[in-house]
Amino acid sequence: MFQLLRRHTQLSRRRAVGATLLVCVALGACGEPRGPWIDEVLAVDHERALDILGRRFGDAPGHVAVGGRAAAPLIWSPSRLRVRVPASAWGAVLVVVTVGGTPSNAVEMSIDGSPADGG
């Protein structure tokens, strides 16, 4: 009896996985996320600013957080942003872009020196 139940469970799991995959492909619900996506974050030389390269940022400015603090956008385009780094952000910080209420992936960035150090 145990082996019969075990085999039934294995077959049920395979069917569930197959059905999930079918739904995922049919509805386009699998694969790449639909919201904003950060590919790379770069420090801008001689400015306390960051360039954020990615996808699906939209034409209208959303919200950017650097180390949990709002970062003022200087440039906003669908694939590139430039933001001013908040004065309180330094050390290892997470960068997140939110568009239409949907947050992007979080990317870790190291910001050298605190504003008091002149960095």
PDB file of N, CA and C in Angstrom:
ATOM      1  N   MET A   1       0.822  -1.191   0.000  1.00  0.00           N
ATOM      2  CA  MET A   1       0.000   0.000   0.000  1.00  0.00           C
ATOM      3  C   MET A   1       0.870   1.260   0.000  1.00  0.00           C
ATOM      4  N   PHE A   2       1.926   1.263   0.833  1.00  0.00           N
ATOM      5  CA  PHE A   2       2.808   2.424   0.897  1.00  0.00           C
ATOM      6  C   PHE A   2       3.417   2.731  -0.471  1.00  0.00           C
ATOM      7  N   GLN A   3       3.875   1.687  -1.187  1.00  0.00           N
ATOM      8  CA  GLN A   3       4.482   1.898  -2.500  1.00  0.00           C
ATOM      9  C   GLN A   3       3.465   2.438  -3.491  1.00  0.00           C
ATOM     10  N   LEU A   4       2.234   1.992  -3.413  1.00  0.00           N
ATOM     11  CA  LEU A   4       1.187   2.477  -4.300  1.00  0.00           C
ATOM     12  C   LEU A   4       0.926   3.965  -4.049  1.00  0.00           C
ATOM     13  N   LEU A   5       0.822   4.361  -2.786  1.00  0.00           N
ATOM     14  CA  LEU A   5       0.620   5.775  -2.455  1.00  0.00           C
ATOM     15  C   LEU A   5       1.821   6.609  -2.888  1.00  0.00           C
ATOM     16  N   ARG A   6       3.014   6.079  -2.683  1.00  0.00           N
ATOM     17  CA  ARG A   6       4.227   6.808  -3.060  1.00  0.00           C
ATOM     18  C   ARG A   6       4.267   7.047  -4.570  1.00  0.00           C
ATOM     19  N   ARG A   7       3.923   5.996  -5.353  1.00  0.00           N
ATOM     20  CA  ARG A   7       3.925   6.138  -6.806  1.00  0.00           C
ATOM     21  C   ARG A   7       2.863   7.152  -7.246  1.00  0.00           C
ATOM     22  N   HIS A   8       1.693   7.098  -6.637  1.00  0.00           N
ATOM     23  CA  HIS A   8       0.622   8.043  -6.964  1.00  0.00           C
ATOM     24  C   HIS A   8       1.072   9.483  -6.669  1.00  0.00           C
ATOM     25  N   THR A   9       1.741   9.683  -5.545  1.00  0.00           N
ATOM     26  CA  THR A   9       2.240  11.013  -5.182  1.00  0.00           C
ATOM     27  C   THR A   9       3.260  11.506  -6.191  1.00  0.00           C
ATOM     28  N   GLN A  10       4.169  10.631  -6.618  1.00  0.00           N
ATOM     29  CA  GLN A  10       5.171  11.019  -7.608  1.00  0.00           C
ATOM     30  C   GLN A  10       4.511  11.417  -8.921  1.00  0.00           C
ATOM     31  N   LEU A  11       3.515  10.641  -9.369  1.00  0.00           N
ATOM     32  CA  LEU A  11       2.824  10.968 -10.613  1.00  0.00           C
ATOM     33  C   LEU A  11       2.055  12.276 -10.474  1.00  0.00           C
ATOM     34  N   SER A  12       1.436  12.513  -9.322  1.00  0.00           N
ATOM     35  CA  SER A  12       0.704  13.750  -9.091  1.00  0.00           C
ATOM     36  C   SER A  12       1.640  14.947  -9.138  1.00  0.00           C
ATOM     37  N   ARG A  13       2.834  14.814  -8.551  1.00  0.00           N
ATOM     38  CA  ARG A  13       3.807  15.907  -8.578  1.00  0.00           C
ATOM     39  C   ARG A  13       4.238  16.210 -10.011  1.00  0.00           C
ATOM     40  N   ARG A  14       4.486  15.172 -10.797  1.00  0.00           N
ATOM     41  CA  ARG A  14       4.890  15.382 -12.196  1.00  0.00           C
ATOM     42  C   ARG A  14       3.796  16.101 -12.974  1.00  0.00           C
ATOM     43  N   ARG A  15       2.557  15.700 -12.762  1.00  0.00           N
ATOM     44  CA  ARG A  15       1.447  16.356 -13.455  1.00  0.00           C
ATOM     45  C   ARG A  15       1.326  17.811 -13.026  1.00  0.00           C
ATOM     46  N   ALA A  16       1.486  18.071 -11.724  1.00  0.00           N
ATOM     47  CA  ALA A  16       1.389  19.448 -11.218  1.00  0.00           C
ATOM     48  C   ALA A  16       2.495  20.315 -11.804  1.00  0.00           C
ATOM     49  N   VAL A  17       3.705  19.796 -11.862  1.00  0.00           N
ATOM     50  CA  VAL A  17       4.815  20.554 -12.439  1.00  0.00           C
ATOM     51  C   VAL A  17       4.555  20.805 -13.913  1.00  0.00           C
ATOM     52  N   GLY A  18       4.094  19.787 -14.627  1.00  0.00           N
ATOM     53  CA  GLY A  18       3.781  19.943 -16.046  1.00  0.00           C
ATOM     54  C   GLY A  18       2.688  20.960 -16.277  1.00  0.00           C
ATOM     55  N   ALA A  19       1.639  20.921 -15.451  1.00  0.00           N
ATOM     56  CA  ALA A  19       0.537  21.873 -15.580  1.00  0.00           C
ATOM     57  C   ALA A  19       0.994  23.284 -15.263  1.00  0.00           C
ATOM     58  N   THR A  20       1.843  23.437 -14.249  1.00  0.00           N
ATOM     59  CA  THR A  20       2.366  24.753 -13.897  1.00  0.00           C
ATOM     60  C   THR A  20       3.198  25.320 -15.040  1.00  0.00           C
ATOM     61  N   LEU A  21       4.031  24.485 -15.640  1.00  0.00           N
ATOM     62  CA  LEU A  21       4.851  24.922 -16.762  1.00  0.00           C
ATOM     63  C   LEU A  21       3.981  25.328 -17.939  1.00  0.00           C
ATOM     64  N   LEU A  22       2.933  24.570 -18.221  1.00  0.00           N
ATOM     65  CA  LEU A  22       2.026  24.883 -19.317  1.00  0.00           C
ATOM     66  C   LEU A  22       1.353  26.227 -19.090  1.00  0.00           C
ATOM     67  N   VAL A  23       0.850  26.465 -17.892  1.00  0.00           N
ATOM     68  CA  VAL A  23       0.205  27.733 -17.560  1.00  0.00           C
ATOM     69  C   VAL A  23       1.214  28.869 -17.666  1.00  0.00           C
ATOM     70  N   CYS A  24       2.421  28.649 -17.165  1.00  0.00           N
ATOM     71  CA  CYS A  24       3.472  29.660 -17.199  1.00  0.00           C
ATOM     72  C   CYS A  24       3.766  30.085 -18.634  1.00  0.00           C
ATOM     73  N   VAL A  25       3.934  29.147 -19.529  1.00  0.00           N
ATOM     74  CA  VAL A  25       4.242  29.445 -20.927  1.00  0.00           C
ATOM     75  C   VAL A  25       3.040  30.062 -21.627  1.00  0.00           C
ATOM     76  N   ALA A  26       1.859  29.511 -21.403  1.00  0.00           N
ATOM     77  CA  ALA A  26       0.652  29.991 -22.074  1.00  0.00           C
ATOM     78  C   ALA A  26       0.318  31.431 -21.684  1.00  0.00           C
ATOM     79  N   LEU A  27       0.502  31.783 -20.436  1.00  0.00           N
ATOM     80  CA  LEU A  27       0.161  33.124 -19.964  1.00  0.00           C
ATOM     81  C   LEU A  27       1.334  34.096 -20.007  1.00  0.00           C
ATOM     82  N   GLY A  28       2.499  33.613 -20.352  1.00  0.00           N
ATOM     83  CA  GLY A  28       3.672  34.478 -20.364  1.00  0.00           C
ATOM     84  C   GLY A  28       4.075  34.923 -18.976  1.00  0.00           C
ATOM     85  N   ALA A  29       3.769  34.111 -17.972  1.00  0.00           N
ATOM     86  CA  ALA A  29       4.013  34.493 -16.581  1.00  0.00           C
ATOM     87  C   ALA A  29       5.356  34.004 -16.068  1.00  0.00           C
ATOM     88  N   CYS A  30       6.159  33.404 -16.901  1.00  0.00           N
ATOM     89  CA  CYS A  30       7.461  32.927 -16.447  1.00  0.00           C
ATOM     90  C   CYS A  30       8.559  33.690 -17.177  1.00  0.00           C
ATOM     91  N   GLY A  31       9.766  33.499 -16.745  1.00  0.00           N
ATOM     92  CA  GLY A  31      10.878  34.181 -17.411  1.00  0.00           C
ATOM     93  C   GLY A  31      11.207  35.501 -16.747  1.00  0.00           C
ATOM     94  N   GLU A  32      11.539  36.481 -17.546  1.00  0.00           N
ATOM     95  CA  GLU A  32      12.004  37.771 -17.065  1.00  0.00           C
ATOM     96  C   GLU A  32      10.897  38.547 -16.357  1.00  0.00           C
ATOM     97  N   PRO A  33      11.226  39.224 -15.256  1.00  0.00           N
ATOM     98  CA  PRO A  33      10.228  40.020 -14.535  1.00  0.00           C
ATOM     99  C   PRO A  33       9.655  41.125 -15.428  1.00  0.00           C
ATOM    100  N   ARG A  34       8.449  41.555 -15.118  1.00  0.00           N
ATOM    101  CA  ARG A  34       7.755  42.571 -15.924  1.00  0.00           C
ATOM    102  C   ARG A  34       8.072  44.005 -15.487  1.00  0.00           C
ATOM    103  N   GLY A  35       8.518  44.209 -14.264  1.00  0.00           N
ATOM    104  CA  GLY A  35       8.759  45.554 -13.751  1.00  0.00           C
ATOM    105  C   GLY A  35      10.133  46.081 -14.122  1.00  0.00           C
ATOM    106  N   PRO A  36      10.526  47.199 -13.505  1.00  0.00           N
ATOM    107  CA  PRO A  36      11.849  47.766 -13.793  1.00  0.00           C
ATOM    108  C   PRO A  36      12.956  46.790 -13.395  1.00  0.00           C
ATOM    109  N   TRP A  37      14.076  46.862 -14.108  1.00  0.00           N
ATOM    110  CA  TRP A  37      15.190  45.938 -13.863  1.00  0.00           C
ATOM    111  C   TRP A  37      16.500  46.704 -13.958  1.00  0.00           C
ATOM    112  N   ILE A  38      17.335  46.603 -12.918  1.00  0.00           N
ATOM    113  CA  ILE A  38      18.646  47.251 -12.906  1.00  0.00           C
ATOM    114  C   ILE A  38      19.682  46.244 -13.388  1.00  0.00           C
ATOM    115  N   ASP A  39      20.434  46.636 -14.430  1.00  0.00           N
ATOM    116  CA  ASP A  39      21.531  45.803 -14.930  1.00  0.00           C
ATOM    117  C   ASP A  39      22.850  46.176 -14.253  1.00  0.00           C
ATOM    118  N   GLU A  40      23.059  47.485 -14.056  1.00  0.00           N
ATOM    119  CA  GLU A  40      24.355  47.942 -13.538  1.00  0.00           C
ATOM    120  C   GLU A  40      24.207  49.302 -12.881  1.00  0.00           C
ATOM    121  N   VAL A  41      24.992  49.536 -11.851  1.00  0.00           N
ATOM    122  CA  VAL A  41      25.040  50.834 -11.180  1.00  0.00           C
ATOM    123  C   VAL A  41      26.489  51.299 -11.179  1.00  0.00           C
ATOM    124  N   LEU A  42      26.714  52.519 -11.672  1.00  0.00           N
ATOM    125  CA  LEU A  42      28.063  53.065 -11.793  1.00  0.00           C
ATOM    126  C   LEU A  42      28.164  54.401 -11.069  1.00  0.00           C
ATOM    127  N   ALA A  43      29.282  54.628 -10.386  1.00  0.00           N
ATOM    128  CA  ALA A  43      29.538  55.927  -9.766  1.00  0.00           C
ATOM    129  C   ALA A  43      29.952  56.908 -10.855  1.00  0.00           C
ATOM    130  N   VAL A  44      29.474  58.141 -10.760  1.00  0.00           N
ATOM    131  CA  VAL A  44      29.836  59.186 -11.710  1.00  0.00           C
ATOM    132  C   VAL A  44      31.045  59.927 -11.143  1.00  0.00           C
ATOM    133  N   ASP A  45      32.128  59.975 -11.903  1.00  0.00           N
ATOM    134  CA  ASP A  45      33.343  60.652 -11.453  1.00  0.00           C
ATOM    135  C   ASP A  45      33.090  62.121 -11.144  1.00  0.00           C
ATOM    136  N   HIS A  46      33.693  62.612 -10.076  1.00  0.00           N
ATOM    137  CA  HIS A  46      33.675  64.017  -9.657  1.00  0.00           C
ATOM    138  C   HIS A  46      32.284  64.539  -9.324  1.00  0.00           C
ATOM    139  N   GLU A  47      31.332  63.660  -9.145  1.00  0.00           N
ATOM    140  CA  GLU A  47      29.989  64.049  -8.707  1.00  0.00           C
ATOM    141  C   GLU A  47      29.548  63.045  -7.662  1.00  0.00           C
ATOM    142  N   ARG A  48      28.712  63.472  -6.778  1.00  0.00           N
ATOM    143  CA  ARG A  48      28.118  62.504  -5.836  1.00  0.00           C
ATOM    144  C   ARG A  48      26.814  62.027  -6.474  1.00  0.00           C
ATOM    145  N   ALA A  49      26.993  61.249  -7.584  1.00  0.00           N
ATOM    146  CA  ALA A  49      25.847  60.771  -8.362  1.00  0.00           C
ATOM    147  C   ALA A  49      26.107  59.350  -8.839  1.00  0.00           C
ATOM    148  N   LEU A  50      25.020  58.685  -9.225  1.00  0.00           N
ATOM    149  CA  LEU A  50      25.101  57.327  -9.750  1.00  0.00           C
ATOM    150  C   LEU A  50      24.386  57.263 -11.087  1.00  0.00           C
ATOM    151  N   ASP A  51      24.948  56.512 -12.022  1.00  0.00           N
ATOM    152  CA  ASP A  51      24.259  56.147 -13.254  1.00  0.00           C
ATOM    153  C   ASP A  51      23.684  54.763 -13.043  1.00  0.00           C
ATOM    154  N   ILE A  52      22.410  54.606 -13.328  1.00  0.00           N
ATOM    155  CA  ILE A  52      21.726  53.324 -13.190  1.00  0.00           C
ATOM    156  C   ILE A  52      21.294  52.894 -14.585  1.00  0.00           C
ATOM    157  N   LEU A  53      21.839  51.776 -15.040  1.00  0.00           N
ATOM    158  CA  LEU A  53      21.526  51.262 -16.362  1.00  0.00           C
ATOM    159  C   LEU A  53      20.613  50.063 -16.217  1.00  0.00           C
ATOM    160  N   GLY A  54      19.580  49.991 -17.047  1.00  0.00           N
ATOM    161  CA  GLY A  54      18.645  48.886 -16.935  1.00  0.00           C
ATOM    162  C   GLY A  54      17.541  48.955 -17.964  1.00  0.00           C
ATOM    163  N   ARG A  55      16.378  48.446 -17.583  1.00  0.00           N
ATOM    164  CA  ARG A  55      15.247  48.350 -18.494  1.00  0.00           C
ATOM    165  C   ARG A  55      13.940  48.693 -17.786  1.00  0.00           C
ATOM    166  N   ARG A  56      13.002  49.141 -18.585  1.00  0.00           N
ATOM    167  CA  ARG A  56      11.628  49.404 -18.145  1.00  0.00           C
ATOM    168  C   ARG A  56      11.523  50.442 -17.019  1.00  0.00           C
ATOM    169  N   PHE A  57      12.329  51.512 -17.122  1.00  0.00           N
ATOM    170  CA  PHE A  57      12.222  52.598 -16.137  1.00  0.00           C
ATOM    171  C   PHE A  57      11.095  53.563 -16.506  1.00  0.00           C
ATOM    172  N   GLY A  58      10.637  53.515 -17.757  1.00  0.00           N
ATOM    173  CA  GLY A  58       9.562  54.405 -18.201  1.00  0.00           C
ATOM    174  C   GLY A  58      10.077  55.795 -18.536  1.00  0.00           C
ATOM    175  N   ASP A  59       9.176  56.629 -19.072  1.00  0.00           N
ATOM    176  CA  ASP A  59       9.528  57.990 -19.470  1.00  0.00           C
ATOM    177  C   ASP A  59       9.383  58.993 -18.327  1.00  0.00           C
ATOM    178  N   ALA A  60       8.426  58.738 -17.437  1.00  0.00           N
ATOM    179  CA  ALA A  60       8.177  59.660 -16.325  1.00  0.00           C
ATOM    180  C   ALA A  60       8.942  59.187 -15.091  1.00  0.00           C
ATOM    181  N   PRO A  61       9.560  60.123 -14.375  1.00  0.00           N
ATOM    182  CA  PRO A  61      10.316  59.736 -13.180  1.00  0.00           C
ATOM    183  C   PRO A  61       9.474  58.996 -12.150  1.00  0.00           C
ATOM    184  N   GLY A  62      10.067  57.936 -11.632  1.00  0.00           N
ATOM    185  CA  GLY A  62       9.476  57.188 -10.530  1.00  0.00           C
ATOM    186  C   GLY A  62      10.231  57.545  -9.261  1.00  0.00           C
ATOM    187  N   HIS A  63      10.586  56.532  -8.484  1.00  0.00           N
ATOM    188  CA  HIS A  63      11.288  56.748  -7.213  1.00  0.00           C
ATOM    189  C   HIS A  63      12.547  55.898  -7.193  1.00  0.00           C
ATOM    190  N   VAL A  64      13.647  56.498  -6.746  1.00  0.00           N
ATOM    191  CA  VAL A  64      14.901  55.761  -6.598  1.00  0.00           C
ATOM    192  C   VAL A  64      15.334  55.858  -5.146  1.00  0.00           C
ATOM    193  N   ALA A  65      15.691  54.712  -4.573  1.00  0.00           N
ATOM    194  CA  ALA A  65      16.194  54.681  -3.204  1.00  0.00           C
ATOM    195  C   ALA A  65      17.634  54.190  -3.223  1.00  0.00           C
ATOM    196  N   VAL A  66      18.480  54.921  -2.517  1.00  0.00           N
ATOM    197  CA  VAL A  66      19.889  54.535  -2.347  1.00  0.00           C
ATOM    198  C   VAL A  66      20.106  54.408  -0.850  1.00  0.00           C
ATOM    199  N   GLY A  67      20.370  53.199  -0.415  1.00  0.00           N
ATOM    200  CA  GLY A  67      20.518  52.976   1.025  1.00  0.00           C
ATOM    201  C   GLY A  67      19.262  53.284   1.800  1.00  0.00           C
ATOM    202  N   GLY A  68      18.095  53.087   1.184  1.00  0.00           N
ATOM    203  CA  GLY A  68      16.822  53.339   1.848  1.00  0.00           C
ATOM    204  C   GLY A  68      16.386  54.787   1.853  1.00  0.00           C
ATOM    205  N   ARG A  69      17.197  55.672   1.282  1.00  0.00           N
ATOM    206  CA  ARG A  69      16.877  57.112   1.223  1.00  0.00           C
ATOM    207  C   ARG A  69      16.524  57.511  -0.207  1.00  0.00           C
ATOM    208  N   ALA A  70      15.595  58.448  -0.352  1.00  0.00           N
ATOM    209  CA  ALA A  70      15.213  58.926  -1.681  1.00  0.00           C
ATOM    210  C   ALA A  70      16.390  59.621  -2.349  1.00  0.00           C
ATOM    211  N   ALA A  71      16.608  59.296  -3.623  1.00  0.00           N
ATOM    212  CA  ALA A  71      17.680  59.909  -4.415  1.00  0.00           C
ATOM    213  C   ALA A  71      17.042  60.755  -5.510  1.00  0.00           C
ATOM    214  N   ALA A  72      17.426  62.029  -5.581  1.00  0.00           N
ATOM    215  CA  ALA A  72      16.837  62.948  -6.555  1.00  0.00           C
ATOM    216  C   ALA A  72      17.294  62.597  -7.968  1.00  0.00           C
ATOM    217  N   PRO A  73      16.336  62.380  -8.898  1.00  0.00           N
ATOM    218  CA  PRO A  73      16.724  62.071 -10.279  1.00  0.00           C
ATOM    219  C   PRO A  73      17.232  63.314 -11.008  1.00  0.00           C
ATOM    220  N   LEU A  74      18.363  63.168 -11.693  1.00  0.00           N
ATOM    221  CA  LEU A  74      18.924  64.234 -12.528  1.00  0.00           C
ATOM    222  C   LEU A  74      18.617  63.965 -14.000  1.00  0.00           C
ATOM    223  N   ILE A  75      18.643  62.688 -14.388  1.00  0.00           N
ATOM    224  CA  ILE A  75      18.310  62.239 -15.743  1.00  0.00           C
ATOM    225  C   ILE A  75      17.411  61.019 -15.599  1.00  0.00           C
ATOM    226  N   TRP A  76      16.339  60.984 -16.402  1.00  0.00           N
ATOM    227  CA  TRP A  76      15.441  59.822 -16.361  1.00  0.00           C
ATOM    228  C   TRP A  76      15.068  59.435 -17.782  1.00  0.00           C
ATOM    229  N   SER A  77      15.393  58.227 -18.179  1.00  0.00           N
ATOM    230  CA  SER A  77      14.976  57.682 -19.476  1.00  0.00           C
ATOM    231  C   SER A  77      14.597  56.219 -19.267  1.00  0.00           C
ATOM    232  N   PRO A  78      13.993  55.574 -20.260  1.00  0.00           N
ATOM    233  CA  PRO A  78      13.573  54.183 -20.079  1.00  0.00           C
ATOM    234  C   PRO A  78      14.701  53.201 -19.749  1.00  0.00           C
ATOM    235  N   SER A  79      15.949  53.544 -20.095  1.00  0.00           N
ATOM    236  CA  SER A  79      17.047  52.592 -19.863  1.00  0.00           C
ATOM    237  C   SER A  79      18.225  53.169 -19.073  1.00  0.00           C
ATOM    238  N   ARG A  80      18.181  54.449 -18.735  1.00  0.00           N
ATOM    239  CA  ARG A  80      19.296  55.065 -17.997  1.00  0.00           C
ATOM    240  C   ARG A  80      18.781  56.148 -17.063  1.00  0.00           C
ATOM    241  N   LEU A  81      19.272  56.075 -15.831  1.00  0.00           N
ATOM    242  CA  LEU A  81      18.956  57.101 -14.841  1.00  0.00           C
ATOM    243  C   LEU A  81      20.250  57.663 -14.285  1.00  0.00           C
ATOM    244  N   ARG A  82      20.223  58.912 -13.893  1.00  0.00           N
ATOM    245  CA  ARG A  82      21.309  59.493 -13.093  1.00  0.00           C
ATOM    246  C   ARG A  82      20.638  60.126 -11.894  1.00  0.00           C
ATOM    247  N   VAL A  83      21.122  59.759 -10.712  1.00  0.00           N
ATOM    248  CA  VAL A  83      20.537  60.282  -9.480  1.00  0.00           C
ATOM    249  C   VAL A  83      21.626  60.844  -8.587  1.00  0.00           C
ATOM    250  N   ARG A  84      21.249  61.841  -7.801  1.00  0.00           N
ATOM    251  CA  ARG A  84      22.141  62.402  -6.798  1.00  0.00           C
ATOM    252  C   ARG A  84      22.113  61.467  -5.594  1.00  0.00           C
ATOM    253  N   VAL A  85      23.282  61.123  -5.076  1.00  0.00           N
ATOM    254  CA  VAL A  85      23.363  60.236  -3.915  1.00  0.00           C
ATOM    255  C   VAL A  85      22.977  61.026  -2.669  1.00  0.00           C
ATOM    256  N   PRO A  86      22.051  60.514  -1.866  1.00  0.00           N
ATOM    257  CA  PRO A  86      21.678  61.210  -0.629  1.00  0.00           C
ATOM    258  C   PRO A  86      22.890  61.371   0.293  1.00  0.00           C
ATOM    259  N   ALA A  87      22.926  62.466   1.020  1.00  0.00           N
ATOM    260  CA  ALA A  87      24.062  62.771   1.895  1.00  0.00           C
ATOM    261  C   ALA A  87      24.311  61.684   2.933  1.00  0.00           C
ATOM    262  N   SER A  88      23.251  61.025   3.379  1.00  0.00           N
ATOM    263  CA  SER A  88      23.403  60.011   4.428  1.00  0.00           C
ATOM    264  C   SER A  88      23.782  58.635   3.882  1.00  0.00           C
ATOM    265  N   ALA A  89      23.897  58.496   2.572  1.00  0.00           N
ATOM    266  CA  ALA A  89      24.211  57.182   1.980  1.00  0.00           C
ATOM    267  C   ALA A  89      25.711  57.051   1.756  1.00  0.00           C
ATOM    268  N   TRP A  90      26.310  56.078   2.438  1.00  0.00           N
ATOM    269  CA  TRP A  90      27.719  55.759   2.220  1.00  0.00           C
ATOM    270  C   TRP A  90      27.988  54.361   2.731  1.00  0.00           C
ATOM    271  N   GLY A  91      29.066  53.774   2.258  1.00  0.00           N
ATOM    272  CA  GLY A  91      29.349  52.374   2.570  1.00  0.00           C
ATOM    273  C   GLY A  91      28.586  51.476   1.607  1.00  0.00           C
ATOM    274  N   ALA A  92      28.274  50.268   2.033  1.00  0.00           N
ATOM    275  CA  ALA A  92      27.511  49.330   1.203  1.00  0.00           C
ATOM    276  C   ALA A  92      26.030  49.684   1.288  1.00  0.00           C
ATOM    277  N   VAL A  93      25.439  50.009   0.147  1.00  0.00           N
ATOM    278  CA  VAL A  93      24.024  50.397   0.092  1.00  0.00           C
ATOM    279  C   VAL A  93      23.318  49.594  -0.996  1.00  0.00           C
ATOM    280  N   LEU A  94      22.006  49.497  -0.882  1.00  0.00           N
ATOM    281  CA  LEU A  94      21.195  48.886  -1.933  1.00  0.00           C
ATOM    282  C   LEU A  94      20.525  49.979  -2.751  1.00  0.00           C
ATOM    283  N   VAL A  95      20.496  49.779  -4.064  1.00  0.00           N
ATOM    284  CA  VAL A  95      19.850  50.710  -4.987  1.00  0.00           C
ATOM    285  C   VAL A  95      18.611  50.017  -5.543  1.00  0.00           C
ATOM    286  N   VAL A  96      17.456  50.704  -5.453  1.00  0.00           N
ATOM    287  CA  VAL A  96      16.192  50.161  -5.944  1.00  0.00           C
ATOM    288  C   VAL A  96      15.446  51.253  -6.692  1.00  0.00           C
ATOM    289  N   VAL A  97      14.921  50.918  -7.872  1.00  0.00           N
ATOM    290  CA  VAL A  97      14.103  51.835  -8.668  1.00  0.00           C
ATOM    291  C   VAL A  97      12.663  51.341  -8.593  1.00  0.00           C
ATOM    292  N   THR A  98      11.730  52.238  -8.299  1.00  0.00           N
ATOM    293  CA  THR A  98      10.315  51.882  -8.246  1.00  0.00           C
ATOM    294  C   THR A  98       9.567  52.676  -9.307  1.00  0.00           C
ATOM    295  N   VAL A  99       8.835  51.960 -10.156  1.00  0.00           N
ATOM    296  CA  VAL A  99       8.060  52.591 -11.229  1.00  0.00           C
ATOM    297  C   VAL A  99       6.624  52.094 -11.124  1.00  0.00           C
ATOM    298  N   GLY A 100       5.689  53.015 -11.013  1.00  0.00           N
ATOM    299  CA  GLY A 100       4.281  52.636 -10.924  1.00  0.00           C
ATOM    300  C   GLY A 100       3.985  51.715  -9.753  1.00  0.00           C
ATOM    301  N   GLY A 101       4.713  51.863  -8.668  1.00  0.00           N
ATOM    302  CA  GLY A 101       4.512  51.042  -7.484  1.00  0.00           C
ATOM    303  C   GLY A 101       5.214  49.686  -7.518  1.00  0.00           C
ATOM    304  N   THR A 102       5.908  49.379  -8.633  1.00  0.00           N
ATOM    305  CA  THR A 102       6.608  48.099  -8.755  1.00  0.00           C
ATOM    306  C   THR A 102       8.100  48.304  -8.558  1.00  0.00           C
ATOM    307  N   PRO A 103       8.686  47.694  -7.524  1.00  0.00           N
ATOM    308  CA  PRO A 103      10.127  47.859  -7.298  1.00  0.00           C
ATOM    309  C   PRO A 103      10.954  46.961  -8.215  1.00  0.00           C
ATOM    310  N   SER A 104      12.155  47.426  -8.507  1.00  0.00           N
ATOM    311  CA  SER A 104      13.114  46.648  -9.302  1.00  0.00           C
ATOM    312  C   SER A 104      13.844  45.663  -8.398  1.00  0.00           C
ATOM    313  N   ASN A 105      14.754  44.940  -9.004  1.00  0.00           N
ATOM    314  CA  ASN A 105      15.702  44.151  -8.232  1.00  0.00           C
ATOM    315  C   ASN A 105      16.589  45.124  -7.457  1.00  0.00           C
ATOM    316  N   ALA A 106      17.126  44.689  -6.345  1.00  0.00           N
ATOM    317  CA  ALA A 106      18.029  45.519  -5.544  1.00  0.00           C
ATOM    318  C   ALA A 106      19.463  45.195  -5.944  1.00  0.00           C
ATOM    319  N   VAL A 107      20.259  46.248  -6.173  1.00  0.00           N
ATOM    320  CA  VAL A 107      21.666  46.075  -6.543  1.00  0.00           C
ATOM    321  C   VAL A 107      22.518  46.732  -5.470  1.00  0.00           C
ATOM    322  N   GLU A 108      23.502  45.985  -4.965  1.00  0.00           N
ATOM    323  CA  GLU A 108      24.382  46.530  -3.935  1.00  0.00           C
ATOM    324  C   GLU A 108      25.460  47.391  -4.583  1.00  0.00           C
ATOM    325  N   MET A 109      25.733  48.515  -3.952  1.00  0.00           N
ATOM    326  CA  MET A 109      26.731  49.476  -4.442  1.00  0.00           C
ATOM    327  C   MET A 109      27.526  49.955  -3.251  1.00  0.00           C
ATOM    328  N   SER A 110      28.814  50.147  -3.432  1.00  0.00           N
ATOM    329  CA  SER A 110      29.657  50.675  -2.368  1.00  0.00           C
ATOM    330  C   SER A 110      29.949  52.136  -2.662  1.00  0.00           C
ATOM    331  N   ILE A 111      29.592  52.994  -1.721  1.00  0.00           N
ATOM    332  CA  ILE A 111      29.830  54.433  -1.865  1.00  0.00           C
ATOM    333  C   ILE A 111      30.915  54.802  -0.881  1.00  0.00           C
ATOM    334  N   ASP A 112      32.047  55.273  -1.406  1.00  0.00           N
ATOM    335  CA  ASP A 112      33.212  55.597  -0.577  1.00  0.00           C
ATOM    336  C   ASP A 112      33.052  56.942   0.095  1.00  0.00           C
ATOM    337  N   GLY A 113      33.432  56.978   1.361  1.00  0.00           N
ATOM    338  CA  GLY A 113      33.497  58.227   2.111  1.00  0.00           C
ATOM    339  C   GLY A 113      32.143  58.805   2.459  1.00  0.00           C
ATOM    340  N   SER A 114      32.044  59.350   3.619  1.00  0.00           N
ATOM    341  CA  SER A 114      30.821  60.048   4.026  1.00  0.00           C
ATOM    342  C   SER A 114      30.946  61.486   3.577  1.00  0.00           C
ATOM    343  N   PRO A 115      29.838  62.239   3.511  1.00  0.00           N
ATOM    344  CA  PRO A 115      29.907  63.645   3.130  1.00  0.00           C
ATOM    345  C   PRO A 115      30.849  64.440   4.025  1.00  0.00           C
ATOM    346  N   ALA A 116      30.960  64.054   5.307  1.00  0.00           N
ATOM    347  CA  ALA A 116      31.852  64.752   6.235  1.00  0.00           C
ATOM    348  C   ALA A 116      33.319  64.562   5.832  1.00  0.00           C
ATOM    349  N   ASP A 117      33.619  63.442   5.126  1.00  0.00           N
ATOM    350  CA  ASP A 117      34.980  63.196   4.666  1.00  0.00           C
ATOM    351  C   ASP A 117      35.262  63.902   3.348  1.00  0.00           C
ATOM    352  N   GLY A 118      34.236  64.528   2.789  1.00  0.00           N
ATOM    353  CA  GLY A 118      34.400  65.167   1.484  1.00  0.00           C
ATOM    354  C   GLY A 118      34.232  64.185   0.347  1.00  0.00           C
ATOM    355  N   GLY A 119      33.780  62.932   0.644  1.00  0.00           N
ATOM    356  CA  GLY A 119      33.626  61.896  -0.367  1.00  0.00           C
ATOM    357  C   GLY A 119      32.298  61.894  -0.914  1.00  0.00           C
TER     358      GLY A 119
END
